[in-house]
C-alpha atoms as a PDB file:
ATOM      1  CA  UNK A   1      -3.690 -24.691  13.848  1.00  0.00           C
ATOM      2  CA  UNK A   2      -5.949 -22.276  11.996  1.00  0.00           C
ATOM      3  CA  UNK A   3      -7.366 -19.180  13.666  1.00  0.00           C
ATOM      4  CA  UNK A   4     -10.833 -19.761  15.146  1.00  0.00           C
ATOM      5  CA  UNK A   5     -13.725 -18.722  12.939  1.00  0.00           C
ATOM      6  CA  UNK A   6     -15.917 -15.780  13.926  1.00  0.00           C
ATOM      7  CA  UNK A   7     -18.619 -16.388  16.518  1.00  0.00           C
ATOM      8  CA  UNK A   8     -21.992 -17.573  15.324  1.00  0.00           C
ATOM      9  CA  UNK A   9     -23.234 -20.433  13.223  1.00  0.00           C
ATOM     10  CA  UNK A  10     -19.954 -20.819  11.335  1.00  0.00           C
ATOM     11  CA  UNK A  11     -18.071 -21.196  14.628  1.00  0.00           C
ATOM     12  CA  UNK A  12     -20.485 -23.869  15.820  1.00  0.00           C
ATOM     13  CA  UNK A  13     -20.174 -25.706  12.497  1.00  0.00           C
ATOM     14  CA  UNK A  14     -16.377 -25.549  12.630  1.00  0.00           C
ATOM     15  CA  UNK A  15     -16.284 -26.875  16.191  1.00  0.00           C
ATOM     16  CA  UNK A  16     -18.738 -29.644  15.311  1.00  0.00           C
ATOM     17  CA  UNK A  17     -16.673 -30.633  12.258  1.00  0.00           C
ATOM     18  CA  UNK A  18     -13.512 -30.651  14.362  1.00  0.00           C
ATOM     19  CA  UNK A  19     -15.131 -32.881  17.010  1.00  0.00           C
ATOM     20  CA  UNK A  20     -16.431 -35.290  14.352  1.00  0.00           C
ATOM     21  CA  UNK A  21     -12.935 -35.553  12.893  1.00  0.00           C
ATOM     22  CA  UNK A  22     -11.442 -36.291  16.306  1.00  0.00           C
ATOM     23  CA  UNK A  23     -14.006 -39.012  16.974  1.00  0.00           C
ATOM     24  CA  UNK A  24     -13.420 -40.593  13.559  1.00  0.00           C
ATOM     25  CA  UNK A  25      -9.686 -40.678  14.225  1.00  0.00           C
ATOM     26  CA  UNK A  26     -10.231 -42.626  17.428  1.00  0.00           C
ATOM     27  CA  UNK A  27      -9.841 -39.757  19.832  1.00  0.00           C
ATOM     28  CA  UNK A  28     -13.195 -40.193  21.618  1.00  0.00           C
ATOM     29  CA  UNK A  29     -11.439 -41.193  24.853  1.00  0.00           C
ATOM     30  CA  UNK A  30      -9.302 -38.078  24.671  1.00  0.00           C
ATOM     31  CA  UNK A  31     -12.382 -35.906  24.177  1.00  0.00           C
ATOM     32  CA  UNK A  32     -14.076 -37.528  27.189  1.00  0.00           C
ATOM     33  CA  UNK A  33     -10.948 -36.906  29.220  1.00  0.00           C
ATOM     34  CA  UNK A  34     -10.824 -33.234  28.229  1.00  0.00           C
ATOM     35  CA  UNK A  35     -14.515 -32.758  28.993  1.00  0.00           C
ATOM     36  CA  UNK A  36     -14.123 -34.383  32.408  1.00  0.00           C
ATOM     37  CA  UNK A  37     -11.048 -32.260  33.062  1.00  0.00           C
ATOM     38  CA  UNK A  38     -12.965 -29.115  32.143  1.00  0.00           C
ATOM     39  CA  UNK A  39     -15.771 -30.180  34.462  1.00  0.00           C
ATOM     40  CA  UNK A  40     -13.302 -30.376  37.349  1.00  0.00           C
ATOM     41  CA  UNK A  41     -12.156 -26.844  36.571  1.00  0.00           C
ATOM     42  CA  UNK A  42     -15.680 -25.432  36.686  1.00  0.00           C
ATOM     43  CA  UNK A  43     -16.842 -27.162  39.837  1.00  0.00           C
ATOM     44  CA  UNK A  44     -15.068 -27.482  43.132  1.00  0.00           C
ATOM     45  CA  UNK A  45     -14.272 -31.005  44.220  1.00  0.00           C
ATOM     46  CA  UNK A  46     -14.320 -31.903  47.909  1.00  0.00           C
ATOM     47  CA  UNK A  47     -10.939 -31.934  49.636  1.00  0.00           C
ATOM     48  CA  UNK A  48     -12.148 -34.020  52.583  1.00  0.00           C
ATOM     49  CA  UNK A  49     -14.975 -36.458  53.208  1.00  0.00           C
ATOM     50  CA  UNK A  50     -16.621 -33.800  55.380  1.00  0.00           C
ATOM     51  CA  UNK A  51     -16.711 -31.477  52.339  1.00  0.00           C
ATOM     52  CA  UNK A  52     -18.947 -34.005  50.563  1.00  0.00           C
ATOM     53  CA  UNK A  53     -21.798 -33.014  52.885  1.00  0.00           C
ATOM     54  CA  UNK A  54     -21.589 -29.451  51.538  1.00  0.00           C
ATOM     55  CA  UNK A  55     -22.106 -30.450  47.892  1.00  0.00           C
ATOM     56  CA  UNK A  56     -25.342 -30.070  45.963  1.00  0.00           C
ATOM     57  CA  UNK A  57     -27.670 -33.050  46.367  1.00  0.00           C
ATOM     58  CA  UNK A  58     -26.871 -34.742  43.033  1.00  0.00           C
ATOM     59  CA  UNK A  59     -23.089 -34.372  43.422  1.00  0.00           C
ATOM     60  CA  UNK A  60     -23.243 -35.484  47.043  1.00  0.00           C
ATOM     61  CA  UNK A  61     -25.206 -38.589  46.063  1.00  0.00           C
ATOM     62  CA  UNK A  62     -22.708 -39.459  43.314  1.00  0.00           C
ATOM     63  CA  UNK A  63     -19.735 -38.986  45.659  1.00  0.00           C
ATOM     64  CA  UNK A  64     -21.282 -41.107  48.404  1.00  0.00           C
ATOM     65  CA  UNK A  65     -22.230 -43.839  45.923  1.00  0.00           C
ATOM     66  CA  UNK A  66     -18.654 -43.826  44.612  1.00  0.00           C
ATOM     67  CA  UNK A  67     -17.275 -44.090  48.156  1.00  0.00           C
ATOM     68  CA  UNK A  68     -19.546 -47.041  48.942  1.00  0.00           C
ATOM     69  CA  UNK A  69     -18.629 -48.694  45.648  1.00  0.00           C
ATOM     70  CA  UNK A  70     -14.927 -48.284  46.442  1.00  0.00           C
ATOM     71  CA  UNK A  71     -15.330 -49.684  49.956  1.00  0.00           C
ATOM     72  CA  UNK A  72     -17.290 -52.664  48.590  1.00  0.00           C
ATOM     73  CA  UNK A  73     -14.565 -53.288  46.020  1.00  0.00           C
ATOM     74  CA  UNK A  74     -11.865 -53.239  48.713  1.00  0.00           C
ATOM     75  CA  UNK A  75     -13.882 -55.599  50.908  1.00  0.00           C
ATOM     76  CA  UNK A  76     -14.635 -58.000  48.027  1.00  0.00           C
ATOM     77  CA  UNK A  77     -10.899 -58.249  47.272  1.00  0.00           C
ATOM     78  CA  UNK A  78      -9.999 -58.798  50.954  1.00  0.00           C
ATOM     79  CA  UNK A  79      -7.714 -55.755  50.912  1.00  0.00           C
ATOM     80  CA  UNK A  80      -8.111 -55.091  54.617  1.00  0.00           C
ATOM     81  CA  UNK A  81      -9.093 -56.753  57.836  1.00  0.00           C
ATOM     82  CA  UNK A  82     -10.560 -55.007  60.867  1.00  0.00           C
ATOM     83  CA  UNK A  83      -8.768 -56.059  64.040  1.00  0.00           C
ATOM     84  CA  UNK A  84      -8.396 -54.822  67.610  1.00  0.00           C
ATOM     85  CA  UNK A  85      -5.592 -52.286  67.986  1.00  0.00           C
ATOM     86  CA  UNK A  86      -2.602 -53.790  69.784  1.00  0.00           C
ATOM     87  CA  UNK A  87      -1.109 -51.869  72.694  1.00  0.00           C
ATOM     88  CA  UNK A  88       1.626 -49.501  71.550  1.00  0.00           C
ATOM     89  CA  UNK A  89       0.547 -49.627  67.902  1.00  0.00           C
ATOM     90  CA  UNK A  90      -0.809 -46.795  65.785  1.00  0.00           C
ATOM     91  CA  UNK A  91      -3.798 -46.822  63.475  1.00  0.00           C
ATOM     92  CA  UNK A  92      -3.052 -46.703  59.754  1.00  0.00           C
ATOM     93  CA  UNK A  93      -4.455 -43.398  58.548  1.00  0.00           C
ATOM     94  CA  UNK A  94      -6.087 -42.838  55.221  1.00  0.00           C
ATOM     95  CA  UNK A  95      -7.933 -40.168  53.277  1.00  0.00           C
ATOM     96  CA  UNK A  96     -10.238 -39.946  50.308  1.00  0.00           C
ATOM     97  CA  UNK A  97      -9.065 -38.384  47.054  1.00  0.00           C
ATOM     98  CA  UNK A  98     -11.964 -36.994  45.059  1.00  0.00           C
ATOM     99  CA  UNK A  99     -11.665 -36.437  41.340  1.00  0.00           C
ATOM    100  CA  UNK A 100     -13.694 -36.931  38.202  1.00  0.00           C
ATOM    101  CA  UNK A 101     -12.371 -39.698  35.983  1.00  0.00           C
ATOM    102  CA  UNK A 102     -12.189 -39.314  32.195  1.00  0.00           C
ATOM    103  CA  UNK A 103     -15.364 -41.367  31.864  1.00  0.00           C
ATOM    104  CA  UNK A 104     -17.228 -38.863  34.078  1.00  0.00           C
ATOM    105  CA  UNK A 105     -17.348 -41.038  37.193  1.00  0.00           C
ATOM    106  CA  UNK A 106     -16.205 -39.856  40.607  1.00  0.00           C
END
């Protein structure tokens, strides 16, 4: 790979040309993935559901909407059934995993 051009307009032009070439070669999905990955590096993602309440309003809203969408999807596919806990049995535990997908969704 060539050395990066000096900062300024020529650098911006070179980066733009490089991005256009990647898109033309069918690498748009890869670019989206890299941008989403970079976004996860620059912002902290919640580790627990409780951490969602500490996010900025727009991020919190997106996380909560994604959680509700996931729960609806599980319910629509009959993935689980809520039943009374039998004596001597333990509850199946779960946890949320928060990440930003390559398409930018939570």
